Amino acid sequence: MKTIQNILEEIGLTKQETRCYLAVYQLKESKAGKLSKESGIATSNIYPVIDSLIKKGLMSYKIKNNVKIFVPAPINSINSLIEEKQKLLNAQKKQAKKAILSLKTSNETQTISDYRYFEGMNGIKSMWTEILNYMKNSQEKLTLKVYTTPREHYNFLLGFYNEFNRIRKKLKIPFKLIANTEDKNIIQLRKSEGAEVRTGNIKNEAEMSSIGDYYIVQTYTGKKPYGILIKDRKMADTFSQIFETLWKQAK
């Protein structure tokens, strides 16, 4: 649970202001010297701290025998500070929204290309998880097209791809796959998941795919698997056209 010190500091009081306010609140009323002693604030610093608390509405004073006696404002006065901070946050939020909208409008007039590199098994998973999120959120009619490699290259990721395709099927995203003729189990599995599958004598070590705005190239051979995710509609459409030519040639 947060302490009253934490709360006061979070709404904008300094550590010294917090100590001073809590000290005067406990004392009910106090001269500056005693307040300095109780709060642990040096005498040379106590007056600026008191002045700041008075300006914030958390302290006031009365004159007694020509000496200032400082008294705390009611604890409910803290609510006023919270409300002021909330107003400031709301104003900042509105300004931020305007700035974001301005940037968004400016960027939408430009062609957006994004090229990113993913390395290792977890990197490949992250890349395809991003594609999965794109599939979930896109309003466009999508088709996933994959020109794959022999199963031996990606066998260590088979469980992940099976789960990916389970979700893809649930999202009703069509899947066209050109697979290696020898990978009969994969062919049957993907067909059972609703994919259209054609085959060929595939020996390549790099796999290529496209869906919507994205073009994906990845390889599993070498020291570490890696992939490149390219967000570029022209490149994605170009691969899609090449894929359709290969699709016609496949069995």
C-alpha atoms as a PDB file:
ATOM      1  CA  MET A   1       0.000   0.000   0.000  1.00  0.00           C
ATOM      2  CA  LYS A   2       1.313   3.449  -0.816  1.00  0.00           C
ATOM      3  CA  THR A   3       2.199   5.709   2.119  1.00  0.00           C
ATOM      4  CA  ILE A   4       0.943   9.286   2.424  1.00  0.00           C
ATOM      5  CA  GLN A   5       4.522  10.384   1.597  1.00  0.00           C
ATOM      6  CA  ASN A   6       4.382   8.486  -1.705  1.00  0.00           C
ATOM      7  CA  ILE A   7       1.018   9.986  -2.583  1.00  0.00           C
ATOM      8  CA  LEU A   8       2.084  13.552  -1.807  1.00  0.00           C
ATOM      9  CA  GLU A   9       5.221  13.173  -3.921  1.00  0.00           C
ATOM     10  CA  GLU A  10       3.255  11.638  -6.792  1.00  0.00           C
ATOM     11  CA  ILE A  11       0.906  14.623  -6.942  1.00  0.00           C
ATOM     12  CA  GLY A  12       3.797  17.048  -7.202  1.00  0.00           C
ATOM     13  CA  LEU A  13       5.264  17.805  -3.774  1.00  0.00           C
ATOM     14  CA  THR A  14       9.020  17.622  -3.286  1.00  0.00           C
ATOM     15  CA  LYS A  15      10.457  15.429  -0.547  1.00  0.00           C
ATOM     16  CA  GLN A  16      11.116  18.492   1.623  1.00  0.00           C
ATOM     17  CA  GLU A  17       7.610  19.861   1.036  1.00  0.00           C
ATOM     18  CA  THR A  18       6.177  16.477   2.004  1.00  0.00           C
ATOM     19  CA  ARG A  19       8.208  16.329   5.232  1.00  0.00           C
ATOM     20  CA  CYS A  20       7.317  19.902   6.106  1.00  0.00           C
ATOM     21  CA  TYR A  21       3.595  19.452   5.503  1.00  0.00           C
ATOM     22  CA  LEU A  22       3.414  16.213   7.513  1.00  0.00           C
ATOM     23  CA  ALA A  23       5.376  17.822  10.342  1.00  0.00           C
ATOM     24  CA  VAL A  24       3.113  20.856  10.610  1.00  0.00           C
ATOM     25  CA  TYR A  25       0.055  18.612  10.313  1.00  0.00           C
ATOM     26  CA  GLN A  26       1.253  16.597  13.317  1.00  0.00           C
ATOM     27  CA  LEU A  27       2.154  19.715  15.313  1.00  0.00           C
ATOM     28  CA  LYS A  28      -1.169  21.456  14.497  1.00  0.00           C
ATOM     29  CA  GLU A  29       0.685  24.792  14.565  1.00  0.00           C
ATOM     30  CA  SER A  30       4.329  25.683  14.755  1.00  0.00           C
ATOM     31  CA  LYS A  31       6.969  28.360  14.496  1.00  0.00           C
ATOM     32  CA  ALA A  32       9.475  28.020  11.682  1.00  0.00           C
ATOM     33  CA  GLY A  33      12.306  26.939  13.984  1.00  0.00           C
ATOM     34  CA  LYS A  34      10.390  24.037  15.499  1.00  0.00           C
ATOM     35  CA  LEU A  35       9.098  23.074  12.094  1.00  0.00           C
ATOM     36  CA  SER A  36      12.679  22.978  10.829  1.00  0.00           C
ATOM     37  CA  LYS A  37      13.664  20.662  13.678  1.00  0.00           C
ATOM     38  CA  GLU A  38      10.670  18.324  13.336  1.00  0.00           C
ATOM     39  CA  SER A  39      10.934  18.006   9.559  1.00  0.00           C
ATOM     40  CA  GLY A  40      14.727  17.685   9.446  1.00  0.00           C
ATOM     41  CA  ILE A  41      14.986  20.583   7.007  1.00  0.00           C
ATOM     42  CA  ALA A  42      17.815  23.064   7.581  1.00  0.00           C
ATOM     43  CA  THR A  43      16.778  26.461   8.931  1.00  0.00           C
ATOM     44  CA  SER A  44      18.234  28.130   5.853  1.00  0.00           C
ATOM     45  CA  ASN A  45      15.897  26.071   3.616  1.00  0.00           C
ATOM     46  CA  ILE A  46      12.711  25.983   5.689  1.00  0.00           C
ATOM     47  CA  TYR A  47      11.251  29.328   4.574  1.00  0.00           C
ATOM     48  CA  PRO A  48      11.334  28.615   0.797  1.00  0.00           C
ATOM     49  CA  VAL A  49       9.647  25.265   1.505  1.00  0.00           C
ATOM     50  CA  ILE A  50       6.981  26.941   3.648  1.00  0.00           C
ATOM     51  CA  ASP A  51       6.366  29.599   0.975  1.00  0.00           C
ATOM     52  CA  SER A  52       5.907  26.883  -1.649  1.00  0.00           C
ATOM     53  CA  LEU A  53       3.373  25.006   0.523  1.00  0.00           C
ATOM     54  CA  ILE A  54       1.448  28.247   1.133  1.00  0.00           C
ATOM     55  CA  LYS A  55       1.267  28.858  -2.638  1.00  0.00           C
ATOM     56  CA  LYS A  56      -0.007  25.298  -3.120  1.00  0.00           C
ATOM     57  CA  GLY A  57      -2.734  25.889  -0.530  1.00  0.00           C
ATOM     58  CA  LEU A  58      -1.430  23.341   1.961  1.00  0.00           C
ATOM     59  CA  MET A  59      -0.304  25.757   4.660  1.00  0.00           C
ATOM     60  CA  SER A  60      -1.238  29.145   6.058  1.00  0.00           C
ATOM     61  CA  TYR A  61      -0.121  31.266   9.002  1.00  0.00           C
ATOM     62  CA  LYS A  62      -1.313  33.610  11.723  1.00  0.00           C
ATOM     63  CA  ILE A  63       0.509  36.307  13.634  1.00  0.00           C
ATOM     64  CA  LYS A  64       0.905  35.784  17.373  1.00  0.00           C
ATOM     65  CA  ASN A  65       2.943  38.250  19.391  1.00  0.00           C
ATOM     66  CA  ASN A  66       4.450  39.542  16.127  1.00  0.00           C
ATOM     67  CA  VAL A  67       5.634  36.012  15.264  1.00  0.00           C
ATOM     68  CA  LYS A  68       4.362  33.925  12.361  1.00  0.00           C
ATOM     69  CA  ILE A  69       2.723  30.700  13.466  1.00  0.00           C
ATOM     70  CA  PHE A  70       2.270  28.215  10.641  1.00  0.00           C
ATOM     71  CA  VAL A  71      -0.765  25.940  10.482  1.00  0.00           C
ATOM     72  CA  PRO A  72      -1.646  23.153   8.033  1.00  0.00           C
ATOM     73  CA  ALA A  73      -4.527  23.291   5.623  1.00  0.00           C
ATOM     74  CA  PRO A  74      -7.107  20.517   6.109  1.00  0.00           C
ATOM     75  CA  ILE A  75      -5.963  17.150   4.729  1.00  0.00           C
ATOM     76  CA  ASN A  76      -8.818  17.343   2.194  1.00  0.00           C
ATOM     77  CA  SER A  77      -6.920  20.177   0.532  1.00  0.00           C
ATOM     78  CA  ILE A  78      -4.815  17.461  -1.088  1.00  0.00           C
ATOM     79  CA  ASN A  79      -7.845  16.665  -3.251  1.00  0.00           C
ATOM     80  CA  SER A  80      -7.535  20.080  -4.880  1.00  0.00           C
ATOM     81  CA  LEU A  81      -3.953  19.296  -5.886  1.00  0.00           C
ATOM     82  CA  ILE A  82      -5.040  15.965  -7.308  1.00  0.00           C
ATOM     83  CA  GLU A  83      -7.783  17.647  -9.318  1.00  0.00           C
ATOM     84  CA  GLU A  84      -5.323  20.222 -10.659  1.00  0.00           C
ATOM     85  CA  LYS A  85      -2.909  17.484 -11.678  1.00  0.00           C
ATOM     86  CA  GLN A  86      -5.755  15.591 -13.370  1.00  0.00           C
ATOM     87  CA  LYS A  87      -6.694  18.723 -15.335  1.00  0.00           C
ATOM     88  CA  LEU A  88      -3.071  19.103 -16.408  1.00  0.00           C
ATOM     89  CA  LEU A  89      -2.894  15.444 -17.471  1.00  0.00           C
ATOM     90  CA  ASN A  90      -6.129  15.778 -19.460  1.00  0.00           C
ATOM     91  CA  ALA A  91      -4.773  18.859 -21.229  1.00  0.00           C
ATOM     92  CA  GLN A  92      -1.511  17.062 -22.017  1.00  0.00           C
ATOM     93  CA  LYS A  93      -3.476  14.061 -23.300  1.00  0.00           C
ATOM     94  CA  LYS A  94      -5.437  16.282 -25.695  1.00  0.00           C
ATOM     95  CA  GLN A  95      -2.225  17.890 -26.939  1.00  0.00           C
ATOM     96  CA  ALA A  96      -0.636  14.471 -27.441  1.00  0.00           C
ATOM     97  CA  LYS A  97      -3.656  13.241 -29.442  1.00  0.00           C
ATOM     98  CA  LYS A  98      -3.440  16.281 -31.707  1.00  0.00           C
ATOM     99  CA  ALA A  99       0.285  15.734 -32.243  1.00  0.00           C
ATOM    100  CA  ILE A 100      -0.214  12.023 -33.018  1.00  0.00           C
ATOM    101  CA  LEU A 101      -3.045  12.798 -35.437  1.00  0.00           C
ATOM    102  CA  SER A 102      -0.864  15.364 -37.169  1.00  0.00           C
ATOM    103  CA  LEU A 103       1.995  12.868 -37.547  1.00  0.00           C
ATOM    104  CA  LYS A 104      -0.374  10.147 -38.738  1.00  0.00           C
ATOM    105  CA  THR A 105      -1.908  12.426 -41.377  1.00  0.00           C
ATOM    106  CA  SER A 106       1.563  13.435 -42.556  1.00  0.00           C
ATOM    107  CA  ASN A 107       2.803   9.848 -42.772  1.00  0.00           C
ATOM    108  CA  GLU A 108      -0.257   8.583 -44.625  1.00  0.00           C
ATOM    109  CA  THR A 109       0.749  10.679 -47.623  1.00  0.00           C
ATOM    110  CA  GLN A 110       3.988   8.722 -47.897  1.00  0.00           C
ATOM    111  CA  THR A 111       4.694   5.179 -49.061  1.00  0.00           C
ATOM    112  CA  ILE A 112       5.574   3.201 -45.976  1.00  0.00           C
ATOM    113  CA  SER A 113       8.233   0.495 -46.219  1.00  0.00           C
ATOM    114  CA  ASP A 114       9.519  -1.374 -43.232  1.00  0.00           C
ATOM    115  CA  TYR A 115      12.379  -3.880 -43.373  1.00  0.00           C
ATOM    116  CA  ARG A 116      13.247  -5.898 -40.283  1.00  0.00           C
ATOM    117  CA  TYR A 117      15.592  -8.759 -39.514  1.00  0.00           C
ATOM    118  CA  PHE A 118      14.776 -11.605 -37.107  1.00  0.00           C
ATOM    119  CA  GLU A 119      17.356 -14.136 -35.917  1.00  0.00           C
ATOM    120  CA  GLY A 120      17.166 -17.488 -34.165  1.00  0.00           C
ATOM    121  CA  MET A 121      14.220 -19.752 -33.434  1.00  0.00           C
ATOM    122  CA  ASN A 122      12.575 -17.175 -31.162  1.00  0.00           C
ATOM    123  CA  GLY A 123      13.143 -14.511 -33.791  1.00  0.00           C
ATOM    124  CA  ILE A 124      11.326 -16.565 -36.432  1.00  0.00           C
ATOM    125  CA  LYS A 125       8.474 -17.150 -33.981  1.00  0.00           C
ATOM    126  CA  SER A 126       8.244 -13.417 -33.256  1.00  0.00           C
ATOM    127  CA  MET A 127       8.135 -12.641 -36.964  1.00  0.00           C
ATOM    128  CA  TRP A 128       5.257 -15.025 -37.625  1.00  0.00           C
ATOM    129  CA  THR A 129       3.462 -13.887 -34.481  1.00  0.00           C
ATOM    130  CA  GLU A 130       3.527 -10.392 -35.942  1.00  0.00           C
ATOM    131  CA  ILE A 131       2.057 -11.747 -39.182  1.00  0.00           C
ATOM    132  CA  LEU A 132      -0.618 -13.493 -37.125  1.00  0.00           C
ATOM    133  CA  ASN A 133      -1.542 -10.213 -35.429  1.00  0.00           C
ATOM    134  CA  TYR A 134      -1.712  -8.560 -38.850  1.00  0.00           C
ATOM    135  CA  MET A 135      -4.085 -11.299 -40.019  1.00  0.00           C
ATOM    136  CA  LYS A 136      -6.290 -10.801 -36.959  1.00  0.00           C
ATOM    137  CA  ASN A 137      -6.537  -7.030 -37.341  1.00  0.00           C
ATOM    138  CA  SER A 138      -6.633  -6.544 -41.105  1.00  0.00           C
ATOM    139  CA  GLN A 139      -9.923  -5.561 -42.720  1.00  0.00           C
ATOM    140  CA  GLU A 140      -8.611  -6.708 -46.104  1.00  0.00           C
ATOM    141  CA  LYS A 141      -9.377 -10.071 -47.677  1.00  0.00           C
ATOM    142  CA  LEU A 142      -6.052 -11.896 -47.294  1.00  0.00           C
ATOM    143  CA  THR A 143      -4.469 -15.050 -48.684  1.00  0.00           C
ATOM    144  CA  LEU A 144      -1.254 -16.507 -47.291  1.00  0.00           C
ATOM    145  CA  LYS A 145       1.046 -17.806 -50.033  1.00  0.00           C
ATOM    146  CA  VAL A 146       4.109 -19.862 -49.127  1.00  0.00           C
ATOM    147  CA  TYR A 147       6.810 -21.394 -51.293  1.00  0.00           C
ATOM    148  CA  THR A 148       8.432 -23.596 -48.703  1.00  0.00           C
ATOM    149  CA  THR A 149      11.617 -25.616 -48.234  1.00  0.00           C
ATOM    150  CA  PRO A 150      12.015 -29.344 -47.439  1.00  0.00           C
ATOM    151  CA  ARG A 151      10.645 -30.286 -44.016  1.00  0.00           C
ATOM    152  CA  GLU A 152      14.079 -31.259 -42.714  1.00  0.00           C
ATOM    153  CA  HIS A 153      15.036 -27.587 -42.655  1.00  0.00           C
ATOM    154  CA  TYR A 154      12.178 -26.385 -40.432  1.00  0.00           C
ATOM    155  CA  ASN A 155      11.317 -29.513 -38.458  1.00  0.00           C
ATOM    156  CA  PHE A 156      12.341 -27.858 -35.164  1.00  0.00           C
ATOM    157  CA  LEU A 157       9.620 -25.224 -35.700  1.00  0.00           C
ATOM    158  CA  LEU A 158       6.909 -27.621 -36.811  1.00  0.00           C
ATOM    159  CA  GLY A 159       4.974 -27.405 -33.530  1.00  0.00           C
ATOM    160  CA  PHE A 160       4.870 -23.614 -33.759  1.00  0.00           C
ATOM    161  CA  TYR A 161       3.745 -23.698 -37.408  1.00  0.00           C
ATOM    162  CA  ASN A 162       1.027 -26.210 -36.555  1.00  0.00           C
ATOM    163  CA  GLU A 163      -0.337 -23.825 -33.907  1.00  0.00           C
ATOM    164  CA  PHE A 164      -0.020 -20.900 -36.338  1.00  0.00           C
ATOM    165  CA  ASN A 165      -2.098 -22.773 -38.913  1.00  0.00           C
ATOM    166  CA  ARG A 166      -4.671 -23.780 -36.323  1.00  0.00           C
ATOM    167  CA  ILE A 167      -5.284 -20.092 -35.600  1.00  0.00           C
ATOM    168  CA  ARG A 168      -5.123 -19.187 -39.301  1.00  0.00           C
ATOM    169  CA  LYS A 169      -7.834 -21.739 -40.021  1.00  0.00           C
ATOM    170  CA  LYS A 170      -9.964 -20.318 -37.210  1.00  0.00           C
ATOM    171  CA  LEU A 171      -9.564 -16.843 -38.746  1.00  0.00           C
ATOM    172  CA  LYS A 172     -10.648 -18.319 -42.105  1.00  0.00           C
ATOM    173  CA  ILE A 173      -7.555 -16.995 -43.883  1.00  0.00           C
ATOM    174  CA  PRO A 174      -6.992 -18.960 -47.142  1.00  0.00           C
ATOM    175  CA  PHE A 175      -3.581 -20.652 -47.435  1.00  0.00           C
ATOM    176  CA  LYS A 176      -1.875 -21.674 -50.679  1.00  0.00           C
ATOM    177  CA  LEU A 177       1.235 -23.781 -50.164  1.00  0.00           C
ATOM    178  CA  ILE A 178       3.794 -25.106 -52.629  1.00  0.00           C
ATOM    179  CA  ALA A 179       5.487 -27.929 -50.728  1.00  0.00           C
ATOM    180  CA  ASN A 180       8.210 -30.454 -51.376  1.00  0.00           C
ATOM    181  CA  THR A 181       6.776 -33.577 -53.034  1.00  0.00           C
ATOM    182  CA  GLU A 182       8.519 -35.875 -50.545  1.00  0.00           C
ATOM    183  CA  ASP A 183       6.997 -34.236 -47.465  1.00  0.00           C
ATOM    184  CA  LYS A 184       3.791 -36.256 -47.644  1.00  0.00           C
ATOM    185  CA  ASN A 185       2.894 -35.932 -43.937  1.00  0.00           C
ATOM    186  CA  ILE A 186       3.119 -32.137 -44.097  1.00  0.00           C
ATOM    187  CA  ILE A 187       1.050 -32.094 -47.270  1.00  0.00           C
ATOM    188  CA  GLN A 188      -1.717 -34.158 -45.671  1.00  0.00           C
ATOM    189  CA  LEU A 189      -1.608 -32.137 -42.455  1.00  0.00           C
ATOM    190  CA  ARG A 190      -1.918 -28.789 -44.215  1.00  0.00           C
ATOM    191  CA  LYS A 191      -4.713 -30.088 -46.421  1.00  0.00           C
ATOM    192  CA  SER A 192      -6.576 -31.206 -43.309  1.00  0.00           C
ATOM    193  CA  GLU A 193      -6.247 -27.619 -42.052  1.00  0.00           C
ATOM    194  CA  GLY A 194      -7.984 -26.302 -45.151  1.00  0.00           C
ATOM    195  CA  ALA A 195      -4.914 -25.300 -47.139  1.00  0.00           C
ATOM    196  CA  GLU A 196      -4.634 -25.649 -50.894  1.00  0.00           C
ATOM    197  CA  VAL A 197      -1.442 -27.575 -51.540  1.00  0.00           C
ATOM    198  CA  ARG A 198       0.566 -28.220 -54.671  1.00  0.00           C
ATOM    199  CA  THR A 199       3.946 -29.862 -54.842  1.00  0.00           C
ATOM    200  CA  GLY A 200       7.247 -29.750 -56.632  1.00  0.00           C
ATOM    201  CA  ASN A 201      10.795 -31.060 -56.422  1.00  0.00           C
ATOM    202  CA  ILE A 202      11.930 -28.338 -54.032  1.00  0.00           C
ATOM    203  CA  LYS A 203      15.596 -28.153 -53.053  1.00  0.00           C
ATOM    204  CA  ASN A 204      15.909 -24.466 -52.116  1.00  0.00           C
ATOM    205  CA  GLU A 205      17.143 -23.480 -48.642  1.00  0.00           C
ATOM    206  CA  ALA A 206      15.179 -20.218 -48.431  1.00  0.00           C
ATOM    207  CA  GLU A 207      11.433 -20.020 -47.946  1.00  0.00           C
ATOM    208  CA  MET A 208       9.394 -17.161 -49.426  1.00  0.00           C
ATOM    209  CA  SER A 209       5.915 -16.019 -48.456  1.00  0.00           C
ATOM    210  CA  SER A 210       3.512 -13.134 -48.892  1.00  0.00           C
ATOM    211  CA  ILE A 211       0.295 -11.926 -47.335  1.00  0.00           C
ATOM    212  CA  GLY A 212      -1.309  -8.537 -47.854  1.00  0.00           C
ATOM    213  CA  ASP A 213       1.325  -5.838 -47.364  1.00  0.00           C
ATOM    214  CA  TYR A 214       4.036  -8.277 -46.271  1.00  0.00           C
ATOM    215  CA  TYR A 215       6.745 -10.201 -48.092  1.00  0.00           C
ATOM    216  CA  ILE A 216       8.736 -12.690 -46.003  1.00  0.00           C
ATOM    217  CA  VAL A 217      12.041 -14.411 -46.753  1.00  0.00           C
ATOM    218  CA  GLN A 218      13.595 -16.843 -44.307  1.00  0.00           C
ATOM    219  CA  THR A 219      16.153 -19.624 -44.154  1.00  0.00           C
ATOM    220  CA  TYR A 220      16.697 -22.330 -41.574  1.00  0.00           C
ATOM    221  CA  THR A 221      20.130 -23.584 -42.615  1.00  0.00           C
ATOM    222  CA  GLY A 222      23.467 -22.347 -41.307  1.00  0.00           C
ATOM    223  CA  LYS A 223      24.368 -21.547 -37.697  1.00  0.00           C
ATOM    224  CA  LYS A 224      21.097 -19.768 -36.951  1.00  0.00           C
ATOM    225  CA  PRO A 225      17.767 -19.494 -38.762  1.00  0.00           C
ATOM    226  CA  TYR A 226      16.864 -15.964 -39.744  1.00  0.00           C
ATOM    227  CA  GLY A 227      14.125 -14.117 -41.535  1.00  0.00           C
ATOM    228  CA  ILE A 228      13.467 -10.751 -43.150  1.00  0.00           C
ATOM    229  CA  LEU A 229      10.016  -9.223 -42.830  1.00  0.00           C
ATOM    230  CA  ILE A 230       9.365  -6.602 -45.494  1.00  0.00           C
ATOM    231  CA  LYS A 231       6.311  -4.370 -45.321  1.00  0.00           C
ATOM    232  CA  ASP A 232       6.093  -3.173 -48.908  1.00  0.00           C
ATOM    233  CA  ARG A 233       2.980  -3.732 -50.999  1.00  0.00           C
ATOM    234  CA  LYS A 234       4.805  -3.597 -54.330  1.00  0.00           C
ATOM    235  CA  MET A 235       7.262  -6.307 -53.274  1.00  0.00           C
ATOM    236  CA  ALA A 236       4.485  -8.423 -51.750  1.00  0.00           C
ATOM    237  CA  ASP A 237       2.395  -8.146 -54.925  1.00  0.00           C
ATOM    238  CA  THR A 238       5.419  -8.975 -57.098  1.00  0.00           C
ATOM    239  CA  PHE A 239       6.099 -12.174 -55.170  1.00  0.00           C
ATOM    240  CA  SER A 240       2.387 -13.004 -55.280  1.00  0.00           C
ATOM    241  CA  GLN A 241       2.487 -12.829 -59.083  1.00  0.00           C
ATOM    242  CA  ILE A 242       5.605 -15.021 -59.219  1.00  0.00           C
ATOM    243  CA  PHE A 243       3.956 -17.451 -56.817  1.00  0.00           C
ATOM    244  CA  GLU A 244       0.913 -17.775 -59.078  1.00  0.00           C
ATOM    245  CA  THR A 245       3.199 -18.660 -61.997  1.00  0.00           C
ATOM    246  CA  LEU A 246       4.891 -21.338 -59.871  1.00  0.00           C
ATOM    247  CA  TRP A 247       1.462 -22.501 -58.692  1.00  0.00           C
ATOM    248  CA  LYS A 248       0.376 -23.201 -62.251  1.00  0.00           C
ATOM    249  CA  GLN A 249       3.533 -25.252 -62.824  1.00  0.00           C
ATOM    250  CA  ALA A 250       3.245 -27.247 -59.587  1.00  0.00           C
ATOM    251  CA  LYS A 251       1.375 -30.534 -59.320  1.00  0.00           C
END
